[in-house]
Amino acid sequence: GPYGGWFVDKAMSLPPVNFTAEEAIAIAVALAGAESGA
């Protein structure tokens, strides 16, 4: 519609969290360690 568009469904998402570069890498490394046996 004329007043439509795109948006993020807040009910289905987490609020934004600001990580430092080191924190983001630490989380990503932990996630990367999840293999088929985990």
PDB file of all heavy atoms in Angstrom:
ATOM      1  N   GLY A   1       0.803  -1.215   0.000  1.00  0.00           N
ATOM      2  CA  GLY A   1       0.000   0.000   0.000  1.00  0.00           C
ATOM      3  C   GLY A   1       0.838   1.267   0.000  1.00  0.00           C
ATOM      4  O   GLY A   1       2.068   1.230   0.189  1.00  0.00           O
ATOM      5  N   PRO A   2       0.187   2.399  -0.185  1.00  0.00           N
ATOM      6  CA  PRO A   2       0.906   3.687  -0.283  1.00  0.00           C
ATOM      7  C   PRO A   2       1.639   4.073   0.996  1.00  0.00           C
ATOM      8  O   PRO A   2       2.589   4.848   0.963  1.00  0.00           O
ATOM      9  CB  PRO A   2      -0.214   4.687  -0.608  1.00  0.00           C
ATOM     10  CG  PRO A   2      -1.478   4.022  -0.153  1.00  0.00           C
ATOM     11  CD  PRO A   2      -1.266   2.555  -0.355  1.00  0.00           C
ATOM     12  N   TYR A   3       1.198   3.555   2.139  1.00  0.00           N
ATOM     13  CA  TYR A   3       1.852   3.871   3.405  1.00  0.00           C
ATOM     14  C   TYR A   3       2.625   2.666   3.958  1.00  0.00           C
ATOM     15  O   TYR A   3       2.988   2.630   5.126  1.00  0.00           O
ATOM     16  CB  TYR A   3       0.823   4.344   4.440  1.00  0.00           C
ATOM     17  CG  TYR A   3       0.077   5.578   4.004  1.00  0.00           C
ATOM     18  CD1 TYR A   3      -1.216   5.478   3.499  1.00  0.00           C
ATOM     19  CD2 TYR A   3       0.675   6.830   4.066  1.00  0.00           C
ATOM     20  CE1 TYR A   3      -1.905   6.593   3.074  1.00  0.00           C
ATOM     21  CE2 TYR A   3      -0.008   7.964   3.656  1.00  0.00           C
ATOM     22  CZ  TYR A   3      -1.294   7.839   3.152  1.00  0.00           C
ATOM     23  OH  TYR A   3      -1.965   8.961   2.729  1.00  0.00           O
ATOM     24  N   GLY A   4       2.862   1.689   3.078  1.00  0.00           N
ATOM     25  CA  GLY A   4       3.557   0.488   3.500  1.00  0.00           C
ATOM     26  C   GLY A   4       5.054   0.605   3.369  1.00  0.00           C
ATOM     27  O   GLY A   4       5.607   1.675   3.099  1.00  0.00           O
ATOM     28  N   GLY A   5       5.723  -0.519   3.556  1.00  0.00           N
ATOM     29  CA  GLY A   5       7.175  -0.564   3.471  1.00  0.00           C
ATOM     30  C   GLY A   5       7.707  -1.726   4.290  1.00  0.00           C
ATOM     31  O   GLY A   5       6.983  -2.675   4.597  1.00  0.00           O
ATOM     32  N   TRP A   6       8.985  -1.632   4.662  1.00  0.00           N
ATOM     33  CA  TRP A   6       9.657  -2.705   5.386  1.00  0.00           C
ATOM     34  C   TRP A   6       9.924  -2.297   6.833  1.00  0.00           C
ATOM     35  O   TRP A   6      10.174  -1.128   7.126  1.00  0.00           O
ATOM     36  CB  TRP A   6      10.985  -3.035   4.710  1.00  0.00           C
ATOM     37  CG  TRP A   6      10.811  -3.711   3.382  1.00  0.00           C
ATOM     38  CD1 TRP A   6      10.601  -3.098   2.170  1.00  0.00           C
ATOM     39  CD2 TRP A   6      10.814  -5.111   3.133  1.00  0.00           C
ATOM     40  NE1 TRP A   6      10.473  -4.034   1.185  1.00  0.00           N
ATOM     41  CE2 TRP A   6      10.611  -5.283   1.738  1.00  0.00           C
ATOM     42  CE3 TRP A   6      10.977  -6.232   3.927  1.00  0.00           C
ATOM     43  CZ2 TRP A   6      10.562  -6.534   1.149  1.00  0.00           C
ATOM     44  CZ3 TRP A   6      10.939  -7.473   3.346  1.00  0.00           C
ATOM     45  CH2 TRP A   6      10.732  -7.621   1.959  1.00  0.00           C
ATOM     46  N   PHE A   7       9.876  -3.299   7.728  1.00  0.00           N
ATOM     47  CA  PHE A   7      10.193  -3.050   9.132  1.00  0.00           C
ATOM     48  C   PHE A   7      10.659  -4.353   9.771  1.00  0.00           C
ATOM     49  O   PHE A   7      10.463  -5.440   9.216  1.00  0.00           O
ATOM     50  CB  PHE A   7       8.989  -2.480   9.888  1.00  0.00           C
ATOM     51  CG  PHE A   7       7.816  -3.418   9.960  1.00  0.00           C
ATOM     52  CD1 PHE A   7       7.609  -4.216  11.078  1.00  0.00           C
ATOM     53  CD2 PHE A   7       6.904  -3.501   8.906  1.00  0.00           C
ATOM     54  CE1 PHE A   7       6.530  -5.086  11.141  1.00  0.00           C
ATOM     55  CE2 PHE A   7       5.815  -4.357   8.968  1.00  0.00           C
ATOM     56  CZ  PHE A   7       5.629  -5.158  10.086  1.00  0.00           C
ATOM     57  N   VAL A   8      11.288  -4.236  10.938  1.00  0.00           N
ATOM     58  CA  VAL A   8      11.730  -5.396  11.709  1.00  0.00           C
ATOM     59  C   VAL A   8      10.684  -5.709  12.762  1.00  0.00           C
ATOM     60  O   VAL A   8      10.245  -4.818  13.495  1.00  0.00           O
ATOM     61  CB  VAL A   8      13.096  -5.142  12.378  1.00  0.00           C
ATOM     62  CG1 VAL A   8      13.434  -6.246  13.367  1.00  0.00           C
ATOM     63  CG2 VAL A   8      14.185  -5.048  11.327  1.00  0.00           C
ATOM     64  N   ASP A   9      10.275  -6.958  12.819  1.00  0.00           N
ATOM     65  CA  ASP A   9       9.299  -7.399  13.813  1.00  0.00           C
ATOM     66  C   ASP A   9       9.990  -7.498  15.163  1.00  0.00           C
ATOM     67  O   ASP A   9      10.726  -8.445  15.440  1.00  0.00           O
ATOM     68  CB  ASP A   9       8.715  -8.748  13.401  1.00  0.00           C
ATOM     69  CG  ASP A   9       7.565  -9.183  14.313  1.00  0.00           C
ATOM     70  OD1 ASP A   9       7.372  -8.532  15.360  1.00  0.00           O
ATOM     71  OD2 ASP A   9       6.886 -10.159  13.967  1.00  0.00           O
ATOM     72  N   LYS A  10       9.758  -6.518  16.025  1.00  0.00           N
ATOM     73  CA  LYS A  10      10.434  -6.495  17.322  1.00  0.00           C
ATOM     74  C   LYS A  10      10.019  -7.656  18.215  1.00  0.00           C
ATOM     75  O   LYS A  10      10.769  -8.077  19.096  1.00  0.00           O
ATOM     76  CB  LYS A  10      10.149  -5.174  18.037  1.00  0.00           C
ATOM     77  CG  LYS A  10      10.884  -3.982  17.444  1.00  0.00           C
ATOM     78  CD  LYS A  10      10.716  -2.758  18.314  1.00  0.00           C
ATOM     79  CE  LYS A  10      11.559  -1.597  17.801  1.00  0.00           C
ATOM     80  NZ  LYS A  10      11.439  -0.403  18.654  1.00  0.00           N
ATOM     81  N   ALA A  11       8.830  -8.178  17.992  1.00  0.00           N
ATOM     82  CA  ALA A  11       8.364  -9.291  18.816  1.00  0.00           C
ATOM     83  C   ALA A  11       9.150 -10.566  18.545  1.00  0.00           C
ATOM     84  O   ALA A  11       9.119 -11.503  19.333  1.00  0.00           O
ATOM     85  CB  ALA A  11       6.883  -9.548  18.562  1.00  0.00           C
ATOM     86  N   MET A  12       9.862 -10.608  17.411  1.00  0.00           N
ATOM     87  CA  MET A  12      10.589 -11.827  17.043  1.00  0.00           C
ATOM     88  C   MET A  12      12.093 -11.620  17.034  1.00  0.00           C
ATOM     89  O   MET A  12      12.828 -12.416  16.486  1.00  0.00           O
ATOM     90  CB  MET A  12      10.137 -12.298  15.658  1.00  0.00           C
ATOM     91  CG  MET A  12       8.677 -12.663  15.582  1.00  0.00           C
ATOM     92  SD  MET A  12       8.189 -13.185  13.934  1.00  0.00           S
ATOM     93  CE  MET A  12       9.232 -14.632  13.716  1.00  0.00           C
ATOM     94  N   SER A  13      12.583 -10.537  17.593  1.00  0.00           N
ATOM     95  CA  SER A  13      14.022 -10.281  17.554  1.00  0.00           C
ATOM     96  C   SER A  13      14.505  -9.777  18.895  1.00  0.00           C
ATOM     97  O   SER A  13      13.741  -9.277  19.712  1.00  0.00           O
ATOM     98  CB  SER A  13      14.355  -9.246  16.463  1.00  0.00           C
ATOM     99  OG  SER A  13      13.709  -8.021  16.743  1.00  0.00           O
ATOM    100  N   LEU A  14      15.796  -9.911  19.097  1.00  0.00           N
ATOM    101  CA  LEU A  14      16.427  -9.420  20.310  1.00  0.00           C
ATOM    102  C   LEU A  14      16.785  -7.949  20.149  1.00  0.00           C
ATOM    103  O   LEU A  14      17.020  -7.485  19.036  1.00  0.00           O
ATOM    104  CB  LEU A  14      17.690 -10.226  20.615  1.00  0.00           C
ATOM    105  CG  LEU A  14      17.472 -11.704  20.933  1.00  0.00           C
ATOM    106  CD1 LEU A  14      18.826 -12.396  21.055  1.00  0.00           C
ATOM    107  CD2 LEU A  14      16.676 -11.874  22.208  1.00  0.00           C
ATOM    108  N   PRO A  15      16.841  -7.190  21.239  1.00  0.00           N
ATOM    109  CA  PRO A  15      17.269  -5.803  21.130  1.00  0.00           C
ATOM    110  C   PRO A  15      18.726  -5.717  20.724  1.00  0.00           C
ATOM    111  O   PRO A  15      19.499  -6.649  20.944  1.00  0.00           O
ATOM    112  CB  PRO A  15      17.067  -5.261  22.559  1.00  0.00           C
ATOM    113  CG  PRO A  15      17.144  -6.471  23.432  1.00  0.00           C
ATOM    114  CD  PRO A  15      16.552  -7.582  22.622  1.00  0.00           C
ATOM    115  N   PRO A  16      19.142  -4.598  20.098  1.00  0.00           N
ATOM    116  CA  PRO A  16      20.528  -4.477  19.668  1.00  0.00           C
ATOM    117  C   PRO A  16      21.481  -4.445  20.854  1.00  0.00           C
ATOM    118  O   PRO A  16      21.173  -3.879  21.897  1.00  0.00           O
ATOM    119  CB  PRO A  16      20.550  -3.146  18.902  1.00  0.00           C
ATOM    120  CG  PRO A  16      19.389  -2.380  19.447  1.00  0.00           C
ATOM    121  CD  PRO A  16      18.345  -3.399  19.791  1.00  0.00           C
ATOM    122  N   VAL A  17      22.616  -5.098  20.702  1.00  0.00           N
ATOM    123  CA  VAL A  17      23.653  -5.102  21.719  1.00  0.00           C
ATOM    124  C   VAL A  17      24.953  -4.683  21.056  1.00  0.00           C
ATOM    125  O   VAL A  17      25.320  -5.219  20.013  1.00  0.00           O
ATOM    126  CB  VAL A  17      23.824  -6.495  22.357  1.00  0.00           C
ATOM    127  CG1 VAL A  17      24.938  -6.478  23.391  1.00  0.00           C
ATOM    128  CG2 VAL A  17      22.509  -6.943  22.991  1.00  0.00           C
ATOM    129  N   ASN A  18      25.628  -3.728  21.635  1.00  0.00           N
ATOM    130  CA  ASN A  18      26.875  -3.236  21.063  1.00  0.00           C
ATOM    131  C   ASN A  18      28.047  -3.968  21.702  1.00  0.00           C
ATOM    132  O   ASN A  18      28.305  -3.852  22.897  1.00  0.00           O
ATOM    133  CB  ASN A  18      27.012  -1.722  21.302  1.00  0.00           C
ATOM    134  CG  ASN A  18      25.958  -0.941  20.540  1.00  0.00           C
ATOM    135  OD1 ASN A  18      25.648  -1.261  19.397  1.00  0.00           O
ATOM    136  ND2 ASN A  18      25.400   0.083  21.171  1.00  0.00           N
ATOM    137  N   PHE A  19      28.778  -4.739  20.892  1.00  0.00           N
ATOM    138  CA  PHE A  19      29.964  -5.442  21.358  1.00  0.00           C
ATOM    139  C   PHE A  19      31.214  -4.707  20.894  1.00  0.00           C
ATOM    140  O   PHE A  19      31.231  -4.103  19.823  1.00  0.00           O
ATOM    141  CB  PHE A  19      29.998  -6.869  20.787  1.00  0.00           C
ATOM    142  CG  PHE A  19      28.893  -7.759  21.265  1.00  0.00           C
ATOM    143  CD1 PHE A  19      27.944  -8.238  20.377  1.00  0.00           C
ATOM    144  CD2 PHE A  19      28.801  -8.136  22.599  1.00  0.00           C
ATOM    145  CE1 PHE A  19      26.920  -9.058  20.808  1.00  0.00           C
ATOM    146  CE2 PHE A  19      27.782  -8.964  23.040  1.00  0.00           C
ATOM    147  CZ  PHE A  19      26.836  -9.419  22.143  1.00  0.00           C
ATOM    148  N   THR A  20      32.255  -4.821  21.707  1.00  0.00           N
ATOM    149  CA  THR A  20      33.549  -4.370  21.223  1.00  0.00           C
ATOM    150  C   THR A  20      34.055  -5.406  20.223  1.00  0.00           C
ATOM    151  O   THR A  20      33.526  -6.523  20.144  1.00  0.00           O
ATOM    152  CB  THR A  20      34.556  -4.247  22.378  1.00  0.00           C
ATOM    153  OG1 THR A  20      34.804  -5.562  22.919  1.00  0.00           O
ATOM    154  CG2 THR A  20      34.019  -3.345  23.480  1.00  0.00           C
ATOM    155  N   ALA A  21      35.090  -5.055  19.458  1.00  0.00           N
ATOM    156  CA  ALA A  21      35.644  -5.995  18.486  1.00  0.00           C
ATOM    157  C   ALA A  21      36.119  -7.264  19.179  1.00  0.00           C
ATOM    158  O   ALA A  21      35.904  -8.379  18.697  1.00  0.00           O
ATOM    159  CB  ALA A  21      36.793  -5.345  17.715  1.00  0.00           C
ATOM    160  N   GLU A  22      36.766  -7.105  20.349  1.00  0.00           N
ATOM    161  CA  GLU A  22      37.271  -8.273  21.081  1.00  0.00           C
ATOM    162  C   GLU A  22      36.123  -9.156  21.578  1.00  0.00           C
ATOM    163  O   GLU A  22      36.201 -10.388  21.530  1.00  0.00           O
ATOM    164  CB  GLU A  22      38.133  -7.818  22.268  1.00  0.00           C
ATOM    165  CG  GLU A  22      39.455  -7.187  21.873  1.00  0.00           C
ATOM    166  CD  GLU A  22      39.299  -5.733  21.446  1.00  0.00           C
ATOM    167  OE1 GLU A  22      38.180  -5.177  21.617  1.00  0.00           O
ATOM    168  OE2 GLU A  22      40.276  -5.164  20.939  1.00  0.00           O
ATOM    169  N   GLU A  23      35.041  -8.520  22.054  1.00  0.00           N
ATOM    170  CA  GLU A  23      33.898  -9.288  22.533  1.00  0.00           C
ATOM    171  C   GLU A  23      33.235 -10.054  21.393  1.00  0.00           C
ATOM    172  O   GLU A  23      32.853 -11.218  21.545  1.00  0.00           O
ATOM    173  CB  GLU A  23      32.886  -8.356  23.197  1.00  0.00           C
ATOM    174  CG  GLU A  23      33.353  -7.787  24.533  1.00  0.00           C
ATOM    175  CD  GLU A  23      32.457  -6.678  25.046  1.00  0.00           C
ATOM    176  OE1 GLU A  23      31.696  -6.103  24.238  1.00  0.00           O
ATOM    177  OE2 GLU A  23      32.509  -6.380  26.248  1.00  0.00           O
ATOM    178  N   ALA A  24      33.083  -9.402  20.246  1.00  0.00           N
ATOM    179  CA  ALA A  24      32.466 -10.053  19.086  1.00  0.00           C
ATOM    180  C   ALA A  24      33.301 -11.245  18.630  1.00  0.00           C
ATOM    181  O   ALA A  24      32.765 -12.313  18.296  1.00  0.00           O
ATOM    182  CB  ALA A  24      32.298  -9.055  17.946  1.00  0.00           C
ATOM    183  N   ILE A  25      34.629 -11.099  18.626  1.00  0.00           N
ATOM    184  CA  ILE A  25      35.507 -12.197  18.224  1.00  0.00           C
ATOM    185  C   ILE A  25      35.410 -13.346  19.221  1.00  0.00           C
ATOM    186  O   ILE A  25      35.346 -14.520  18.843  1.00  0.00           O
ATOM    187  CB  ILE A  25      36.960 -11.707  18.096  1.00  0.00           C
ATOM    188  CG1 ILE A  25      37.089 -10.785  16.874  1.00  0.00           C
ATOM    189  CG2 ILE A  25      37.923 -12.885  17.958  1.00  0.00           C
ATOM    190  CD1 ILE A  25      38.440 -10.110  16.771  1.00  0.00           C
ATOM    191  N   ALA A  26      35.363 -13.026  20.533  1.00  0.00           N
ATOM    192  CA  ALA A  26      35.266 -14.068  21.559  1.00  0.00           C
ATOM    193  C   ALA A  26      33.979 -14.871  21.394  1.00  0.00           C
ATOM    194  O   ALA A  26      33.980 -16.109  21.480  1.00  0.00           O
ATOM    195  CB  ALA A  26      35.324 -13.432  22.950  1.00  0.00           C
ATOM    196  N   ILE A  27      32.879 -14.189  21.138  1.00  0.00           N
ATOM    197  CA  ILE A  27      31.598 -14.883  20.951  1.00  0.00           C
ATOM    198  C   ILE A  27      31.647 -15.726  19.683  1.00  0.00           C
ATOM    199  O   ILE A  27      31.203 -16.883  19.668  1.00  0.00           O
ATOM    200  CB  ILE A  27      30.444 -13.868  20.878  1.00  0.00           C
ATOM    201  CG1 ILE A  27      30.288 -13.165  22.231  1.00  0.00           C
ATOM    202  CG2 ILE A  27      29.135 -14.562  20.487  1.00  0.00           C
ATOM    203  CD1 ILE A  27      29.310 -12.012  22.207  1.00  0.00           C
ATOM    204  N   ALA A  28      32.190 -15.157  18.617  1.00  0.00           N
ATOM    205  CA  ALA A  28      32.246 -15.879  17.349  1.00  0.00           C
ATOM    206  C   ALA A  28      33.131 -17.113  17.445  1.00  0.00           C
ATOM    207  O   ALA A  28      32.804 -18.164  16.885  1.00  0.00           O
ATOM    208  CB  ALA A  28      32.755 -14.949  16.242  1.00  0.00           C
ATOM    209  N   VAL A  29      34.236 -17.026  18.173  1.00  0.00           N
ATOM    210  CA  VAL A  29      35.120 -18.179  18.343  1.00  0.00           C
ATOM    211  C   VAL A  29      34.396 -19.282  19.112  1.00  0.00           C
ATOM    212  O   VAL A  29      34.487 -20.468  18.786  1.00  0.00           O
ATOM    213  CB  VAL A  29      36.422 -17.778  19.058  1.00  0.00           C
ATOM    214  CG1 VAL A  29      37.189 -19.004  19.515  1.00  0.00           C
ATOM    215  CG2 VAL A  29      37.292 -16.934  18.129  1.00  0.00           C
ATOM    216  N   ALA A  30      33.651 -18.898  20.168  1.00  0.00           N
ATOM    217  CA  ALA A  30      32.899 -19.885  20.936  1.00  0.00           C
ATOM    218  C   ALA A  30      31.848 -20.566  20.073  1.00  0.00           C
ATOM    219  O   ALA A  30      31.661 -21.783  20.138  1.00  0.00           O
ATOM    220  CB  ALA A  30      32.238 -19.213  22.142  1.00  0.00           C
ATOM    221  N   LEU A  31      31.171 -19.797  19.230  1.00  0.00           N
ATOM    222  CA  LEU A  31      30.164 -20.367  18.340  1.00  0.00           C
ATOM    223  C   LEU A  31      30.808 -21.258  17.287  1.00  0.00           C
ATOM    224  O   LEU A  31      30.262 -22.304  16.915  1.00  0.00           O
ATOM    225  CB  LEU A  31      29.361 -19.256  17.666  1.00  0.00           C
ATOM    226  CG  LEU A  31      28.460 -18.422  18.579  1.00  0.00           C
ATOM    227  CD1 LEU A  31      27.861 -17.257  17.802  1.00  0.00           C
ATOM    228  CD2 LEU A  31      27.349 -19.282  19.183  1.00  0.00           C
ATOM    229  N   ALA A  32      31.971 -20.840  16.814  1.00  0.00           N
ATOM    230  CA  ALA A  32      32.658 -21.624  15.781  1.00  0.00           C
ATOM    231  C   ALA A  32      33.083 -22.981  16.312  1.00  0.00           C
ATOM    232  O   ALA A  32      33.261 -23.926  15.548  1.00  0.00           O
ATOM    233  CB  ALA A  32      33.878 -20.861  15.266  1.00  0.00           C
ATOM    234  N   GLY A  33      33.230 -23.099  17.632  1.00  0.00           N
ATOM    235  CA  GLY A  33      33.631 -24.367  18.220  1.00  0.00           C
ATOM    236  C   GLY A  33      32.521 -25.389  18.287  1.00  0.00           C
ATOM    237  O   GLY A  33      32.764 -26.539  18.620  1.00  0.00           O
ATOM    238  N   ALA A  34      31.289 -24.989  17.980  1.00  0.00           N
ATOM    239  CA  ALA A  34      30.159 -25.916  18.024  1.00  0.00           C
ATOM    240  C   ALA A  34      30.194 -26.814  16.802  1.00  0.00           C
ATOM    241  O   ALA A  34      29.910 -26.388  15.695  1.00  0.00           O
ATOM    242  CB  ALA A  34      28.853 -25.141  18.084  1.00  0.00           C
ATOM    243  N   GLU A  35      30.591 -28.057  16.994  1.00  0.00           N
ATOM    244  CA  GLU A  35      30.662 -29.006  15.895  1.00  0.00           C
ATOM    245  C   GLU A  35      29.510 -29.994  15.988  1.00  0.00           C
ATOM    246  O   GLU A  35      28.621 -29.860  16.822  1.00  0.00           O
ATOM    247  CB  GLU A  35      32.015 -29.714  15.924  1.00  0.00           C
ATOM    248  CG  GLU A  35      33.187 -28.738  15.766  1.00  0.00           C
ATOM    249  CD  GLU A  35      34.524 -29.454  15.743  1.00  0.00           C
ATOM    250  OE1 GLU A  35      34.541 -30.689  15.895  1.00  0.00           O
ATOM    251  OE2 GLU A  35      35.544 -28.772  15.587  1.00  0.00           O
ATOM    252  N   SER A  36      29.513 -30.996  15.148  1.00  0.00           N
ATOM    253  CA  SER A  36      28.403 -31.943  15.097  1.00  0.00           C
ATOM    254  C   SER A  36      28.220 -32.704  16.403  1.00  0.00           C
ATOM    255  O   SER A  36      27.147 -33.199  16.684  1.00  0.00           O
ATOM    256  CB  SER A  36      28.603 -32.934  13.949  1.00  0.00           C
ATOM    257  OG  SER A  36      29.808 -33.648  14.117  1.00  0.00           O
ATOM    258  N   GLY A  37      29.281 -32.813  17.201  1.00  0.00           N
ATOM    259  CA  GLY A  37      29.173 -33.537  18.455  1.00  0.00           C
ATOM    260  C   GLY A  37      28.634 -32.709  19.593  1.00  0.00           C
ATOM    261  O   GLY A  37      28.427 -33.225  20.678  1.00  0.00           O
ATOM    262  N   ALA A  38      28.388 -31.430  19.397  1.00  0.00           N
ATOM    263  CA  ALA A  38      27.930 -30.553  20.466  1.00  0.00           C
ATOM    264  C   ALA A  38      26.430 -30.313  20.359  1.00  0.00           C
ATOM    265  O   ALA A  38      25.899 -30.134  19.271  1.00  0.00           O
ATOM    266  CB  ALA A  38      28.675 -29.213  20.404  1.00  0.00           C
TER     267      ALA A  38
END
